[in-house]
């Protein structure tokens, strides 16, 4: 156990360092866009789906910068077995993009811990462009994905990436959509 704890301490130091490097190297324009996104979306006179798309576009831009500091990449799918919550507006987006319809009746189901997302196909996300908010914001800042494995993921904590205005925007979009509740993707599709 001591060896794992030492590995954790080292991984936590790397994650903390990567988090600082990310923060220090954030392009000014990208930081400015994130700082204003909630206000802009609140004032925007556009359909709520378009607001969600705008939010996702900014998150994709941020993700391009974050990629330099994370081992997250196509083929690593440990997080696709974690709980994946989504809102009704996100369900609509997935339906629109994929043509796959939600279940007629959504019932919270008991399932095995670490059940794969129904859209995980051949080790990759089959709805990547329409993936939910929770998937877009989930990244690890550790050097490797070792800490994302199910046996480690919920036993250890690391610095978490969080963008306040993006989170606020998501909450506002959910409320504006008329159905702010969250459900697990496995209960819906």
Protein backbone atom coordinates (compact mmCIF):
# COMPACT_ATOMS: atom_id res chain seq x y z
CA UNK A 1 0.00 0.00 0.00
CA UNK A 2 2.90 2.39 0.73
CA UNK A 3 4.13 2.05 -2.85
CA UNK A 4 0.73 3.06 -4.21
CA UNK A 5 0.60 6.02 -1.81
CA UNK A 6 4.03 7.18 -3.00
CA UNK A 7 2.88 6.83 -6.61
CA UNK A 8 -0.22 8.84 -5.73
CA UNK A 9 1.84 11.61 -4.12
CA UNK A 10 4.03 11.83 -7.23
CA UNK A 11 1.00 11.77 -9.55
CA UNK A 12 -0.70 14.47 -7.48
CA UNK A 13 2.40 16.67 -7.76
CA UNK A 14 2.39 16.23 -11.55
CA UNK A 15 -1.33 17.00 -11.72
CA UNK A 16 -0.88 20.12 -9.59
CA UNK A 17 2.03 21.23 -11.78
CA UNK A 18 0.07 20.58 -14.99
CA UNK A 19 -2.90 22.46 -13.58
CA UNK A 20 -0.68 25.49 -12.89
CA UNK A 21 0.97 25.28 -16.33
CA UNK A 22 -2.45 25.12 -17.96
CA UNK A 23 -3.69 28.10 -16.01
CA UNK A 24 -0.54 30.14 -16.68
CA UNK A 25 -0.54 29.38 -20.41
CA UNK A 26 -4.24 29.92 -21.10
CA UNK A 27 -4.54 32.20 -24.14
CA UNK A 28 -5.92 35.59 -23.08
CA UNK A 29 -8.65 35.53 -25.73
CA UNK A 30 -9.83 32.09 -24.64
CA UNK A 31 -9.83 33.13 -21.00
CA UNK A 32 -11.84 36.24 -21.93
CA UNK A 33 -14.40 34.18 -23.86
CA UNK A 34 -14.86 31.84 -20.90
CA UNK A 35 -15.25 34.77 -18.52
CA UNK A 36 -18.08 36.23 -20.62
CA UNK A 37 -19.91 33.13 -21.86
CA UNK A 38 -22.64 33.03 -19.20
CA UNK A 39 -23.49 36.71 -19.62
CA UNK A 40 -23.51 36.43 -23.41
CA UNK A 41 -25.71 33.35 -23.45
CA UNK A 42 -28.11 34.86 -20.91
CA UNK A 43 -28.54 37.98 -23.07
CA UNK A 44 -28.61 36.15 -26.42
CA UNK A 45 -31.94 35.97 -28.19
CA UNK A 46 -31.58 32.51 -29.70
CA UNK A 47 -33.05 29.02 -29.26
CA UNK A 48 -31.74 27.12 -26.27
CA UNK A 49 -30.24 24.41 -28.53
CA UNK A 50 -28.15 27.06 -30.25
CA UNK A 51 -26.96 28.25 -26.84
CA UNK A 52 -25.93 24.70 -25.99
CA UNK A 53 -24.05 24.48 -29.28
CA UNK A 54 -22.24 27.77 -28.53
CA UNK A 55 -21.27 26.47 -25.10
CA UNK A 56 -19.98 23.23 -26.62
CA UNK A 57 -17.98 25.18 -29.22
CA UNK A 58 -16.20 27.13 -26.48
CA UNK A 59 -15.58 23.93 -24.53
CA UNK A 60 -14.07 22.36 -27.66
CA UNK A 61 -11.77 25.37 -28.06
CA UNK A 62 -10.70 25.09 -24.43
CA UNK A 63 -10.19 21.35 -24.85
CA UNK A 64 -7.65 21.96 -27.62
CA UNK A 65 -5.55 23.94 -25.15
CA UNK A 66 -6.10 21.49 -22.29
CA UNK A 67 -4.91 18.54 -24.45
CA UNK A 68 -1.29 19.61 -23.92
CA UNK A 69 -1.59 18.85 -20.21
CA UNK A 70 -3.64 15.67 -20.04
CA UNK A 71 -3.23 12.02 -21.04
CA UNK A 72 -6.89 11.96 -22.17
CA UNK A 73 -7.05 10.72 -25.76
CA UNK A 74 -9.11 8.59 -28.10
CA UNK A 75 -8.91 4.97 -26.99
CA UNK A 76 -8.70 5.77 -23.30
CA UNK A 77 -12.22 5.16 -22.11
CA UNK A 78 -12.11 4.48 -18.39
CA UNK A 79 -14.27 7.56 -17.75
CA UNK A 80 -16.91 6.13 -20.11
CA UNK A 81 -17.76 3.68 -17.33
CA UNK A 82 -18.34 6.40 -14.72
CA UNK A 83 -21.78 7.93 -14.17
CA UNK A 84 -22.65 10.07 -17.23
CA UNK A 85 -25.38 12.53 -16.37
CA UNK A 86 -27.13 14.61 -18.98
CA UNK A 87 -30.07 16.97 -19.28
CA UNK A 88 -33.10 16.83 -21.53
CA UNK A 89 -31.65 19.38 -23.97
CA UNK A 90 -28.56 17.18 -24.31
CA UNK A 91 -30.76 14.14 -24.91
CA UNK A 92 -32.44 16.10 -27.71
CA UNK A 93 -29.03 16.97 -29.19
CA UNK A 94 -27.96 13.32 -29.18
CA UNK A 95 -31.26 12.32 -30.80
CA UNK A 96 -30.86 15.02 -33.48
CA UNK A 97 -27.25 14.14 -34.28
CA UNK A 98 -27.49 10.34 -34.13
CA UNK A 99 -31.09 9.56 -35.04
CA UNK A 100 -31.22 7.33 -31.95
CA UNK A 101 -34.33 7.98 -29.87
CA UNK A 102 -34.52 7.92 -26.10
CA UNK A 103 -36.39 5.14 -24.35
CA UNK A 104 -40.14 5.74 -24.17
CA UNK A 105 -40.04 5.50 -20.39
CA UNK A 106 -36.98 6.63 -18.48
CA UNK A 107 -36.51 4.63 -15.31
CA UNK A 108 -33.49 4.81 -13.03
CA UNK A 109 -32.02 1.33 -13.18
CA UNK A 110 -29.76 -0.55 -10.84
CA UNK A 111 -26.64 -1.56 -12.70
CA UNK A 112 -23.20 -2.92 -12.14
CA UNK A 113 -20.69 -0.32 -11.03
CA UNK A 114 -18.61 0.90 -13.99
CA UNK A 115 -21.11 -0.08 -16.68
CA UNK A 116 -19.97 1.25 -20.08
CA UNK A 117 -21.84 4.10 -21.72
CA UNK A 118 -24.18 2.76 -24.44
CA UNK A 119 -22.37 4.95 -26.98
CA UNK A 120 -18.94 3.45 -26.23
CA UNK A 121 -18.18 1.45 -29.38
CA UNK A 122 -14.89 -0.32 -30.10
CA UNK A 123 -13.20 1.61 -27.30
CA UNK A 124 -14.24 5.06 -28.53
CA UNK A 125 -17.15 7.47 -28.17
CA UNK A 126 -19.54 6.98 -31.09
CA UNK A 127 -21.25 10.34 -30.39
CA UNK A 128 -18.12 12.39 -29.76
CA UNK A 129 -19.42 15.57 -31.44
CA UNK A 130 -22.68 15.31 -29.47
CA UNK A 131 -21.21 14.01 -26.20
CA UNK A 132 -22.74 15.47 -23.02
CA UNK A 133 -21.40 18.36 -20.98
CA UNK A 134 -20.11 16.09 -18.22
CA UNK A 135 -17.95 14.22 -20.76
CA UNK A 136 -16.61 17.43 -22.27
CA UNK A 137 -15.49 18.83 -18.94
CA UNK A 138 -14.01 15.61 -17.54
CA UNK A 139 -10.23 15.53 -17.88
CA UNK A 140 -7.41 14.35 -15.71
CA UNK A 141 -4.28 16.39 -15.21
CA UNK A 142 -2.12 13.41 -14.20
CA UNK A 143 0.76 12.24 -16.37
CA UNK A 144 -0.92 8.94 -17.25
CA UNK A 145 -4.44 7.53 -17.22
CA UNK A 146 -3.47 5.00 -14.52
CA UNK A 147 -5.53 6.95 -11.98
CA UNK A 148 -8.62 6.82 -14.20
CA UNK A 149 -8.90 3.05 -13.95
CA UNK A 150 -12.04 2.01 -12.04
CA UNK A 151 -10.04 0.53 -9.17
CA UNK A 152 -8.31 3.90 -8.63
CA UNK A 153 -10.74 6.52 -9.91
CA UNK A 154 -12.85 7.00 -6.82
CA UNK A 155 -10.19 6.18 -4.26
CA UNK A 156 -7.90 9.15 -4.92
CA UNK A 157 -8.52 12.79 -5.69
CA UNK A 158 -6.59 15.20 -7.86
CA UNK A 159 -6.95 18.85 -8.80
CA UNK A 160 -10.06 19.22 -10.93
CA UNK A 161 -10.37 21.45 -13.95
CA UNK A 162 -13.33 23.75 -13.58
CA UNK A 163 -14.43 26.78 -15.52
CA UNK A 164 -16.89 28.78 -13.42
CA UNK A 165 -18.66 30.57 -16.26
CA UNK A 166 -18.95 27.40 -18.33
CA UNK A 167 -20.56 25.61 -15.38
CA UNK A 168 -22.88 28.57 -14.81
CA UNK A 169 -23.79 28.61 -18.53
CA UNK A 170 -24.66 24.94 -18.46
CA UNK A 171 -26.93 25.42 -15.46
CA UNK A 172 -28.64 28.40 -17.13
CA UNK A 173 -29.19 26.43 -20.35
CA UNK A 174 -30.71 23.53 -18.41
CA UNK A 175 -33.12 25.86 -16.63
CA UNK A 176 -34.01 27.74 -19.83
CA UNK A 177 -34.70 24.43 -21.58
CA UNK A 178 -37.61 23.89 -19.20
CA UNK A 179 -36.31 20.61 -17.78
CA UNK A 180 -33.17 21.09 -15.66
CA UNK A 181 -33.15 17.59 -14.15
CA UNK A 182 -30.28 15.22 -14.84
CA UNK A 183 -30.43 11.51 -15.65
CA UNK A 184 -27.80 8.90 -16.42
CA UNK A 185 -27.26 8.24 -20.11
CA UNK A 186 -27.68 4.49 -19.50
CA UNK A 187 -31.24 5.08 -18.27
CA UNK A 188 -32.14 7.05 -21.40
CA UNK A 189 -30.57 5.21 -24.35
